Amino acid sequence: MRSYAALLRGIMPSNPNMRNEKLRGVFSDLGLENVASVLSSGNVVFRAAEGDPAELEDRIQRALNERLGIAGGTLLREYDCLRELLARDPFEGLVHERGSYLTVTFFKTAVPDPVPAIPADPLTRVIGYDEPSRALLTVIDNSTPKTPDFMARLDKAYGKDITTRTWLTVQKVVRKMEA
């Protein structure tokens, strides 16, 4: 058995079909074990038999779409992958706060080298691309009244097979996987 985190794209907790109990139900009905959600933003952890993670990812996405009408993307990461990302501490010395909002954008597939640039924005700083976890690491300044349109710029640069989490959420997901 392997531990996975499913990072779901486009989850809105205000939508009744996207609430945690319904998401967990889809995962449980697929025969996945130890299903648990983390926060209300589309993070589901579970255990599954050894197999091809890409096939499991597709199976979950099909079930979410068929059962709940969720057409957004499903990206899986194994526990070891996320644990190692935390151990590398790519945001060393930075604190997650309003002026330095630490974010991790996960990609469904590997990104070409060099990583395509995000259109310039003085409120966003790219820390780098973490190849083992297929994740872009950024710091966003949310301390001004002008909120950066970060997600739209990411979609334009990279397409829809991505999903973004805060560094704090990634830490919470890993802790839940360890529980």
C-alpha atoms as a PDB file:
ATOM      1  CA  MET A   1       0.000   0.000   0.000  1.00  0.00           C
ATOM      2  CA  ARG A   2       1.114   3.531  -0.796  1.00  0.00           C
ATOM      3  CA  SER A   3       0.010   6.832   0.711  1.00  0.00           C
ATOM      4  CA  TYR A   4      -1.171   9.498  -1.716  1.00  0.00           C
ATOM      5  CA  ALA A   5      -2.458  13.034  -1.653  1.00  0.00           C
ATOM      6  CA  ALA A   6      -4.984  13.989  -4.304  1.00  0.00           C
ATOM      7  CA  LEU A   7      -4.747  17.701  -4.997  1.00  0.00           C
ATOM      8  CA  LEU A   8      -7.969  18.636  -6.751  1.00  0.00           C
ATOM      9  CA  ARG A   9      -8.268  21.677  -8.976  1.00  0.00           C
ATOM     10  CA  GLY A  10     -11.187  24.092  -8.875  1.00  0.00           C
ATOM     11  CA  ILE A  11     -12.854  22.954  -5.654  1.00  0.00           C
ATOM     12  CA  MET A  12     -15.322  25.468  -4.183  1.00  0.00           C
ATOM     13  CA  PRO A  13     -16.575  24.371  -0.754  1.00  0.00           C
ATOM     14  CA  SER A  14     -19.725  26.480  -1.263  1.00  0.00           C
ATOM     15  CA  ASN A  15     -20.786  24.025  -4.003  1.00  0.00           C
ATOM     16  CA  PRO A  16     -22.688  21.165  -2.299  1.00  0.00           C
ATOM     17  CA  ASN A  17     -21.124  18.583  -4.665  1.00  0.00           C
ATOM     18  CA  MET A  18     -17.634  19.700  -3.701  1.00  0.00           C
ATOM     19  CA  ARG A  19     -17.918  19.347   0.053  1.00  0.00           C
ATOM     20  CA  ASN A  20     -15.435  17.115   1.830  1.00  0.00           C
ATOM     21  CA  GLU A  21     -17.906  14.368   2.729  1.00  0.00           C
ATOM     22  CA  LYS A  22     -18.903  13.911  -0.919  1.00  0.00           C
ATOM     23  CA  LEU A  23     -15.293  13.985  -2.110  1.00  0.00           C
ATOM     24  CA  ARG A  24     -14.322  11.373   0.481  1.00  0.00           C
ATOM     25  CA  GLY A  25     -17.295   9.242  -0.573  1.00  0.00           C
ATOM     26  CA  VAL A  26     -16.058   9.058  -4.161  1.00  0.00           C
ATOM     27  CA  PHE A  27     -12.597   7.977  -3.006  1.00  0.00           C
ATOM     28  CA  SER A  28     -14.016   5.369  -0.614  1.00  0.00           C
ATOM     29  CA  ASP A  29     -16.350   3.996  -3.294  1.00  0.00           C
ATOM     30  CA  LEU A  30     -13.285   3.448  -5.499  1.00  0.00           C
ATOM     31  CA  GLY A  31     -11.951   1.071  -2.833  1.00  0.00           C
ATOM     32  CA  LEU A  32      -9.274   3.443  -1.567  1.00  0.00           C
ATOM     33  CA  GLU A  33      -8.393   3.169   2.115  1.00  0.00           C
ATOM     34  CA  ASN A  34      -7.852   5.570   5.029  1.00  0.00           C
ATOM     35  CA  VAL A  35      -9.546   8.354   3.068  1.00  0.00           C
ATOM     36  CA  ALA A  36      -9.385  11.745   4.801  1.00  0.00           C
ATOM     37  CA  SER A  37      -9.700  15.346   3.705  1.00  0.00           C
ATOM     38  CA  VAL A  38      -7.470  18.260   4.620  1.00  0.00           C
ATOM     39  CA  LEU A  39      -9.109  21.676   4.842  1.00  0.00           C
ATOM     40  CA  SER A  40     -11.966  22.457   2.444  1.00  0.00           C
ATOM     41  CA  SER A  41     -10.006  23.158  -0.704  1.00  0.00           C
ATOM     42  CA  GLY A  42      -9.765  19.798  -2.427  1.00  0.00           C
ATOM     43  CA  ASN A  43      -7.035  17.914  -0.605  1.00  0.00           C
ATOM     44  CA  VAL A  44      -7.771  14.224  -0.049  1.00  0.00           C
ATOM     45  CA  VAL A  45      -5.285  11.763   1.400  1.00  0.00           C
ATOM     46  CA  PHE A  46      -5.655   8.006   1.091  1.00  0.00           C
ATOM     47  CA  ARG A  47      -3.882   4.683   0.755  1.00  0.00           C
ATOM     48  CA  ALA A  48      -4.007   2.532  -2.370  1.00  0.00           C
ATOM     49  CA  ALA A  49      -2.477  -0.673  -3.634  1.00  0.00           C
ATOM     50  CA  GLU A  50       0.703  -0.444  -5.684  1.00  0.00           C
ATOM     51  CA  GLY A  51       0.012   0.503  -9.265  1.00  0.00           C
ATOM     52  CA  ASP A  52       0.439   3.172 -11.887  1.00  0.00           C
ATOM     53  CA  PRO A  53      -0.213   6.580 -10.239  1.00  0.00           C
ATOM     54  CA  ALA A  54      -1.226   8.137 -13.600  1.00  0.00           C
ATOM     55  CA  GLU A  55      -3.929   5.484 -14.081  1.00  0.00           C
ATOM     56  CA  LEU A  56      -5.144   6.017 -10.507  1.00  0.00           C
ATOM     57  CA  GLU A  57      -5.204   9.777 -11.091  1.00  0.00           C
ATOM     58  CA  ASP A  58      -7.340   9.297 -14.222  1.00  0.00           C
ATOM     59  CA  ARG A  59      -9.663   6.833 -12.460  1.00  0.00           C
ATOM     60  CA  ILE A  60     -10.266   9.286  -9.624  1.00  0.00           C
ATOM     61  CA  GLN A  61     -10.896  12.176 -12.021  1.00  0.00           C
ATOM     62  CA  ARG A  62     -13.397  10.153 -14.063  1.00  0.00           C
ATOM     63  CA  ALA A  63     -15.268   9.182 -10.889  1.00  0.00           C
ATOM     64  CA  LEU A  64     -15.343  12.774  -9.601  1.00  0.00           C
ATOM     65  CA  ASN A  65     -16.704  13.944 -12.942  1.00  0.00           C
ATOM     66  CA  GLU A  66     -19.297  11.163 -13.261  1.00  0.00           C
ATOM     67  CA  ARG A  67     -20.519  11.226  -9.663  1.00  0.00           C
ATOM     68  CA  LEU A  68     -20.209  14.897  -8.714  1.00  0.00           C
ATOM     69  CA  GLY A  69     -19.790  16.777 -11.983  1.00  0.00           C
ATOM     70  CA  ILE A  70     -16.302  17.937 -11.040  1.00  0.00           C
ATOM     71  CA  ALA A  71     -14.480  18.468 -14.313  1.00  0.00           C
ATOM     72  CA  GLY A  72     -11.334  20.028 -12.812  1.00  0.00           C
ATOM     73  CA  GLY A  73      -8.018  18.238 -12.616  1.00  0.00           C
ATOM     74  CA  THR A  74      -6.778  15.624 -10.170  1.00  0.00           C
ATOM     75  CA  LEU A  75      -3.067  15.580  -9.398  1.00  0.00           C
ATOM     76  CA  LEU A  76      -1.580  12.856  -7.188  1.00  0.00           C
ATOM     77  CA  ARG A  77       1.585  12.991  -5.144  1.00  0.00           C
ATOM     78  CA  GLU A  78       2.983  10.154  -3.088  1.00  0.00           C
ATOM     79  CA  TYR A  79       3.831  10.705   0.560  1.00  0.00           C
ATOM     80  CA  ASP A  80       7.580  10.300  -0.016  1.00  0.00           C
ATOM     81  CA  CYS A  81       7.546  12.950  -2.736  1.00  0.00           C
ATOM     82  CA  LEU A  82       5.857  15.529  -0.510  1.00  0.00           C
ATOM     83  CA  ARG A  83       7.893  14.584   2.556  1.00  0.00           C
ATOM     84  CA  GLU A  84      11.129  15.067   0.579  1.00  0.00           C
ATOM     85  CA  LEU A  85       9.917  18.438  -0.719  1.00  0.00           C
ATOM     86  CA  LEU A  86       9.383  19.571   2.873  1.00  0.00           C
ATOM     87  CA  ALA A  87      12.820  18.259   3.849  1.00  0.00           C
ATOM     88  CA  ARG A  88      14.474  20.301   1.058  1.00  0.00           C
ATOM     89  CA  ASP A  89      12.928  23.417   2.649  1.00  0.00           C
ATOM     90  CA  PRO A  90      12.846  25.490  -0.554  1.00  0.00           C
ATOM     91  CA  PHE A  91      11.470  28.512   1.331  1.00  0.00           C
ATOM     92  CA  GLU A  92      14.227  28.457   3.952  1.00  0.00           C
ATOM     93  CA  GLY A  93      14.228  31.638   6.013  1.00  0.00           C
ATOM     94  CA  LEU A  94      10.919  32.898   4.586  1.00  0.00           C
ATOM     95  CA  VAL A  95       7.778  33.213   6.670  1.00  0.00           C
ATOM     96  CA  HIS A  96       4.303  32.652   5.248  1.00  0.00           C
ATOM     97  CA  GLU A  97       2.498  35.913   5.914  1.00  0.00           C
ATOM     98  CA  ARG A  98       0.599  38.607   4.038  1.00  0.00           C
ATOM     99  CA  GLY A  99       3.739  40.128   2.480  1.00  0.00           C
ATOM    100  CA  SER A 100       5.260  36.759   1.630  1.00  0.00           C
ATOM    101  CA  TYR A 101       2.566  34.264   0.710  1.00  0.00           C
ATOM    102  CA  LEU A 102       4.472  31.024   0.006  1.00  0.00           C
ATOM    103  CA  THR A 103       2.883  28.954  -2.775  1.00  0.00           C
ATOM    104  CA  VAL A 104       3.528  25.641  -4.479  1.00  0.00           C
ATOM    105  CA  THR A 105       2.076  25.017  -7.941  1.00  0.00           C
ATOM    106  CA  PHE A 106       1.995  21.311  -8.774  1.00  0.00           C
ATOM    107  CA  PHE A 107       2.146  20.161 -12.403  1.00  0.00           C
ATOM    108  CA  LYS A 108       0.451  16.994 -13.651  1.00  0.00           C
ATOM    109  CA  THR A 109       3.436  16.150 -15.875  1.00  0.00           C
ATOM    110  CA  ALA A 110       7.054  17.224 -15.945  1.00  0.00           C
ATOM    111  CA  VAL A 111       7.734  20.736 -17.149  1.00  0.00           C
ATOM    112  CA  PRO A 112      10.153  21.250 -20.031  1.00  0.00           C
ATOM    113  CA  ASP A 113      13.618  22.540 -19.261  1.00  0.00           C
ATOM    114  CA  PRO A 114      13.924  25.459 -19.005  1.00  0.00           C
ATOM    115  CA  VAL A 115      10.683  26.068 -17.169  1.00  0.00           C
ATOM    116  CA  PRO A 116       8.515  28.539 -19.117  1.00  0.00           C
ATOM    117  CA  ALA A 117       8.462  31.905 -17.383  1.00  0.00           C
ATOM    118  CA  ILE A 118       5.389  33.356 -15.728  1.00  0.00           C
ATOM    119  CA  PRO A 119       4.610  36.825 -17.119  1.00  0.00           C
ATOM    120  CA  ALA A 120       6.426  39.400 -14.984  1.00  0.00           C
ATOM    121  CA  ASP A 121       4.677  40.812 -11.943  1.00  0.00           C
ATOM    122  CA  PRO A 122       6.411  42.908  -9.278  1.00  0.00           C
ATOM    123  CA  LEU A 123       4.259  41.221  -6.615  1.00  0.00           C
ATOM    124  CA  THR A 124       5.390  37.679  -7.467  1.00  0.00           C
ATOM    125  CA  ARG A 125       8.851  36.210  -6.992  1.00  0.00           C
ATOM    126  CA  VAL A 126       9.737  32.786  -8.388  1.00  0.00           C
ATOM    127  CA  ILE A 127      11.902  30.765  -6.010  1.00  0.00           C
ATOM    128  CA  GLY A 128      12.420  27.950  -8.486  1.00  0.00           C
ATOM    129  CA  TYR A 129      11.133  24.724  -9.915  1.00  0.00           C
ATOM    130  CA  ASP A 130      11.425  21.580  -7.799  1.00  0.00           C
ATOM    131  CA  GLU A 131      11.843  18.812 -10.360  1.00  0.00           C
ATOM    132  CA  PRO A 132      11.283  15.769  -8.089  1.00  0.00           C
ATOM    133  CA  SER A 133       7.888  17.062  -6.963  1.00  0.00           C
ATOM    134  CA  ARG A 134       7.074  18.761 -10.301  1.00  0.00           C
ATOM    135  CA  ALA A 135       6.308  22.001  -8.487  1.00  0.00           C
ATOM    136  CA  LEU A 136       6.889  25.697  -9.077  1.00  0.00           C
ATOM    137  CA  LEU A 137       7.711  27.570  -5.880  1.00  0.00           C
ATOM    138  CA  THR A 138       6.707  31.213  -5.600  1.00  0.00           C
ATOM    139  CA  VAL A 139       6.306  34.026  -3.099  1.00  0.00           C
ATOM    140  CA  ILE A 140       3.409  36.433  -3.573  1.00  0.00           C
ATOM    141  CA  ASP A 141       3.122  39.838  -1.931  1.00  0.00           C
ATOM    142  CA  ASN A 142      -0.494  40.143  -0.803  1.00  0.00           C
ATOM    143  CA  SER A 143       0.157  43.191   1.393  1.00  0.00           C
ATOM    144  CA  THR A 144      -1.063  45.753  -1.149  1.00  0.00           C
ATOM    145  CA  PRO A 145      -4.660  46.572  -2.111  1.00  0.00           C
ATOM    146  CA  LYS A 146      -3.869  45.368  -5.660  1.00  0.00           C
ATOM    147  CA  THR A 147      -4.066  41.572  -5.473  1.00  0.00           C
ATOM    148  CA  PRO A 148      -1.885  39.879  -8.093  1.00  0.00           C
ATOM    149  CA  ASP A 149      -3.855  37.861 -10.649  1.00  0.00           C
ATOM    150  CA  PHE A 150      -1.504  34.990 -10.029  1.00  0.00           C
ATOM    151  CA  MET A 151      -3.768  32.066 -10.914  1.00  0.00           C
ATOM    152  CA  ALA A 152      -4.808  33.548 -14.265  1.00  0.00           C
ATOM    153  CA  ARG A 153      -1.150  34.161 -15.162  1.00  0.00           C
ATOM    154  CA  LEU A 154      -0.273  30.574 -14.209  1.00  0.00           C
ATOM    155  CA  ASP A 155      -3.095  29.177 -16.343  1.00  0.00           C
ATOM    156  CA  LYS A 156      -1.992  31.296 -19.290  1.00  0.00           C
ATOM    157  CA  ALA A 157       1.643  30.242 -18.944  1.00  0.00           C
ATOM    158  CA  TYR A 158       1.155  26.541 -18.121  1.00  0.00           C
ATOM    159  CA  GLY A 159      -2.389  25.466 -18.975  1.00  0.00           C
ATOM    160  CA  LYS A 160      -4.977  23.773 -16.762  1.00  0.00           C
ATOM    161  CA  ASP A 161      -3.031  20.673 -15.632  1.00  0.00           C
ATOM    162  CA  ILE A 162      -1.779  22.469 -12.532  1.00  0.00           C
ATOM    163  CA  THR A 163      -3.024  23.256  -9.048  1.00  0.00           C
ATOM    164  CA  THR A 164      -1.640  25.592  -6.411  1.00  0.00           C
ATOM    165  CA  ARG A 165      -1.448  25.206  -2.637  1.00  0.00           C
ATOM    166  CA  THR A 166       0.086  27.335   0.063  1.00  0.00           C
ATOM    167  CA  TRP A 167       3.214  25.995   1.723  1.00  0.00           C
ATOM    168  CA  LEU A 168       1.221  25.729   4.957  1.00  0.00           C
ATOM    169  CA  THR A 169      -1.379  23.543   3.222  1.00  0.00           C
ATOM    170  CA  VAL A 170       1.342  21.245   1.843  1.00  0.00           C
ATOM    171  CA  GLN A 171       2.667  20.876   5.393  1.00  0.00           C
ATOM    172  CA  LYS A 172      -0.837  20.066   6.697  1.00  0.00           C
ATOM    173  CA  VAL A 173      -1.367  17.488   3.950  1.00  0.00           C
ATOM    174  CA  VAL A 174       1.874  15.707   4.877  1.00  0.00           C
ATOM    175  CA  ARG A 175       0.980  15.743   8.582  1.00  0.00           C
ATOM    176  CA  LYS A 176      -2.414  14.198   7.761  1.00  0.00           C
ATOM    177  CA  MET A 177      -0.699  11.497   5.688  1.00  0.00           C
ATOM    178  CA  GLU A 178       1.476  10.672   8.694  1.00  0.00           C
ATOM    179  CA  ALA A 179      -1.471  10.383  11.089  1.00  0.00           C
END
